[in-house]
Amino acid sequence: MRLSRFTLVYSCEFMEGEVETVKLAEALAERAEATRRVEQLRARVVGSARYQEGETPAEDAVQLLAEVSEVLDALETLIRRINRTNATVEMGPDGTLTDALARRDVLRLRHSVVTASADAAAGKGDRGYGRQLRSELMMLSALPVAELRGQADALAREIREVDVRIQRTNWDVDLLD
């Protein structure tokens, strides 16, 4: 049975009872890699699931499914550890790491809404440029564009600040078991 690097990082023991400590940031990178690996394997399984009579399939779909199952099992364990770590680690005024992540996600959504509102009020994306003839109706903004742009800038700054604190914490904290 072939073990991936991903599986080895989280199941390998170095000395009697001593397991490698992994920073949360490293675990997040491994989670992203495992997710990409699952998607690649899924595409290969789908491509090999059927073959023409008299031909041999390009790859063994059964073996690929077994490999994807191993990666998914390791990914589940890793996600549980990441979530446990996020819920436990305190970040001062930001609360737990989970609280900071929720704050960042909502700030991103808020920024998206404010930016889209400012763009719509400014007429961004509209075809044509206002009126062509004096007899045509003129489009007016229902929202204060400059104020919305200022809010968007403030939100973007806050997102960056929260994200820096999250990233710093990710590199300072060891992944919990």
Protein backbone atom coordinates (compact mmCIF):
# COMPACT_ATOMS: atom_id res chain seq x y z
CA MET A 1 0.00 0.00 0.00
CA ARG A 2 1.42 3.36 -1.05
CA LEU A 3 1.19 6.13 1.55
CA SER A 4 1.20 9.73 0.46
CA ARG A 5 3.37 12.39 2.07
CA PHE A 6 0.16 13.75 3.60
CA THR A 7 -0.63 10.51 5.38
CA LEU A 8 2.94 10.18 6.63
CA VAL A 9 3.14 13.65 8.17
CA TYR A 10 0.27 12.97 10.53
CA SER A 11 0.87 9.33 11.42
CA CYS A 12 4.65 9.13 11.66
CA GLU A 13 6.31 8.65 15.05
CA PHE A 14 9.97 9.65 15.38
CA MET A 15 11.11 8.27 18.72
CA GLU A 16 9.23 6.20 21.24
CA GLY A 17 6.03 8.14 21.86
CA GLU A 18 7.38 11.36 20.30
CA VAL A 19 5.26 12.67 17.45
CA GLU A 20 6.33 15.54 15.21
CA THR A 21 4.81 18.85 16.23
CA VAL A 22 3.13 20.61 13.36
CA LYS A 23 2.28 24.29 13.23
CA LEU A 24 -1.31 25.15 12.42
CA ALA A 25 -0.19 26.98 9.26
CA GLU A 26 1.55 23.83 8.04
CA ALA A 27 -1.59 21.80 8.71
CA LEU A 28 -3.66 24.31 6.73
CA ALA A 29 -1.27 23.96 3.80
CA GLU A 30 -1.52 20.16 4.06
CA ARG A 31 -5.32 20.42 4.13
CA ALA A 32 -5.26 22.44 0.90
CA GLU A 33 -2.88 19.93 -0.70
CA ALA A 34 -5.05 16.98 0.38
CA THR A 35 -8.15 18.68 -1.00
CA ARG A 36 -6.38 19.21 -4.35
CA ARG A 37 -5.23 15.59 -4.28
CA VAL A 38 -8.79 14.34 -3.71
CA GLU A 39 -10.02 16.40 -6.65
CA GLN A 40 -7.24 15.07 -8.91
CA LEU A 41 -7.98 11.48 -7.87
CA ARG A 42 -11.71 12.03 -8.39
CA ALA A 43 -11.06 13.17 -11.96
CA ARG A 44 -8.84 10.14 -12.59
CA VAL A 45 -11.45 7.73 -11.17
CA VAL A 46 -14.16 9.26 -13.35
CA GLY A 47 -11.89 8.99 -16.39
CA SER A 48 -11.15 5.33 -15.68
CA ALA A 49 -14.57 4.20 -14.46
CA ARG A 50 -15.61 2.89 -17.90
CA TYR A 51 -13.61 1.49 -20.77
CA GLN A 52 -14.33 -0.03 -24.13
CA GLU A 53 -14.66 -3.78 -24.48
CA GLY A 54 -11.38 -5.34 -25.61
CA GLU A 55 -9.32 -2.42 -24.26
CA THR A 56 -7.62 -2.01 -20.93
CA PRO A 57 -8.44 1.03 -18.79
CA ALA A 58 -5.80 3.73 -18.52
CA GLU A 59 -5.72 3.30 -14.73
CA ASP A 60 -7.15 0.89 -12.16
CA ALA A 61 -10.27 2.67 -10.90
CA VAL A 62 -10.56 0.35 -7.88
CA GLN A 63 -7.01 1.19 -6.77
CA LEU A 64 -7.66 4.91 -7.31
CA LEU A 65 -10.81 4.71 -5.16
CA ALA A 66 -8.81 3.01 -2.41
CA GLU A 67 -6.19 5.76 -2.62
CA VAL A 68 -8.79 8.53 -2.47
CA SER A 69 -10.35 6.82 0.54
CA GLU A 70 -6.99 6.88 2.38
CA VAL A 71 -6.48 10.56 1.59
CA LEU A 72 -10.04 11.40 2.70
CA ASP A 73 -9.58 9.52 6.00
CA ALA A 74 -6.39 11.44 6.71
CA LEU A 75 -8.07 14.69 5.64
CA GLU A 76 -10.96 14.10 8.04
CA THR A 77 -8.53 13.59 10.93
CA LEU A 78 -6.60 16.70 9.95
CA ILE A 79 -9.76 18.84 9.69
CA ARG A 80 -10.86 17.66 13.14
CA ARG A 81 -7.48 18.66 14.58
CA ILE A 82 -7.55 22.04 12.84
CA ASN A 83 -11.07 22.75 14.08
CA ARG A 84 -10.15 21.67 17.63
CA THR A 85 -7.12 23.96 17.53
CA ASN A 86 -9.10 26.90 16.12
CA ALA A 87 -11.75 26.57 18.84
CA THR A 88 -9.18 26.38 21.64
CA VAL A 89 -6.60 29.03 20.74
CA GLU A 90 -7.24 32.44 22.30
CA MET A 91 -6.28 35.55 20.32
CA GLY A 92 -6.86 38.21 22.97
CA PRO A 93 -9.49 40.79 22.00
CA ASP A 94 -10.37 38.79 18.86
CA GLY A 95 -11.57 35.88 21.05
CA THR A 96 -10.70 32.42 19.82
CA LEU A 97 -9.19 31.75 16.44
CA THR A 98 -12.62 30.48 15.36
CA ASP A 99 -14.12 33.84 16.38
CA ALA A 100 -11.47 35.71 14.36
CA LEU A 101 -12.13 33.51 11.32
CA ALA A 102 -15.86 34.20 11.57
CA ARG A 103 -15.16 37.93 11.90
CA ARG A 104 -12.91 37.88 8.81
CA ASP A 105 -15.50 35.94 6.77
CA VAL A 106 -18.26 38.41 7.66
CA LEU A 107 -15.98 41.38 6.96
CA ARG A 108 -15.26 39.95 3.51
CA LEU A 109 -18.98 39.52 2.81
CA ARG A 110 -19.71 43.03 4.10
CA HIS A 111 -16.91 44.44 1.90
CA SER A 112 -18.32 42.61 -1.11
CA VAL A 113 -21.82 44.01 -0.54
CA VAL A 114 -20.59 47.58 0.04
CA THR A 115 -18.31 47.46 -3.02
CA ALA A 116 -21.06 46.01 -5.24
CA SER A 117 -23.48 48.67 -3.96
CA ALA A 118 -21.03 51.48 -4.71
CA ASP A 119 -20.34 50.06 -8.18
CA ALA A 120 -24.05 49.77 -8.95
CA ALA A 121 -24.78 53.28 -7.69
CA ALA A 122 -21.90 54.66 -9.77
CA GLY A 123 -23.28 52.95 -12.86
CA LYS A 124 -20.30 50.65 -13.27
CA GLY A 125 -21.11 47.94 -15.77
CA ASP A 126 -23.96 49.88 -17.36
CA ARG A 127 -23.85 49.97 -21.13
CA GLY A 128 -23.74 53.39 -22.63
CA TYR A 129 -22.92 56.59 -20.82
CA GLY A 130 -25.95 58.19 -19.28
CA ARG A 131 -28.36 59.86 -21.68
CA GLN A 132 -27.84 60.06 -25.39
CA LEU A 133 -30.73 62.42 -26.08
CA ARG A 134 -32.21 65.12 -23.87
CA SER A 135 -35.55 63.34 -24.11
CA GLU A 136 -34.19 60.18 -22.43
CA LEU A 137 -34.59 59.73 -18.68
CA MET A 138 -31.47 60.30 -16.64
CA MET A 139 -30.27 57.60 -14.21
CA LEU A 140 -29.65 58.86 -10.66
CA SER A 141 -27.74 57.24 -7.83
CA ALA A 142 -29.86 56.14 -4.86
CA LEU A 143 -26.74 55.67 -2.68
CA PRO A 144 -23.84 57.93 -1.64
CA VAL A 145 -21.03 56.44 -3.76
CA ALA A 146 -18.13 58.31 -2.12
CA GLU A 147 -19.29 57.32 1.37
CA LEU A 148 -19.65 53.68 0.30
CA ARG A 149 -16.14 53.71 -1.19
CA GLY A 150 -14.82 55.06 2.12
CA GLN A 151 -16.62 52.27 4.00
CA ALA A 152 -15.19 49.71 1.58
CA ASP A 153 -11.67 51.05 2.18
CA ALA A 154 -12.13 50.89 5.96
CA LEU A 155 -13.48 47.34 5.70
CA ALA A 156 -10.56 46.27 3.49
CA ARG A 157 -8.11 47.66 6.05
CA GLU A 158 -9.87 45.81 8.88
CA ILE A 159 -9.86 42.59 6.86
CA ARG A 160 -6.10 42.92 6.34
CA GLU A 161 -5.51 43.59 10.05
CA VAL A 162 -7.58 40.60 11.19
CA ASP A 163 -5.97 38.41 8.53
CA VAL A 164 -2.46 39.36 9.69
CA ARG A 165 -3.36 38.44 13.28
CA ILE A 166 -4.82 35.13 12.09
CA GLN A 167 -1.75 34.32 9.98
CA ARG A 168 0.60 35.20 12.84
CA THR A 169 -1.36 32.92 15.16
CA ASN A 170 -1.31 30.11 12.58
CA TRP A 171 2.49 30.13 12.64
CA ASP A 172 2.76 30.50 16.43
CA VAL A 173 0.38 27.70 17.42
CA ASP A 174 1.00 23.96 17.36
CA LEU A 175 -1.74 21.74 15.97
CA LEU A 176 -3.64 19.95 18.75
CA ASP A 177 -4.27 16.20 18.75
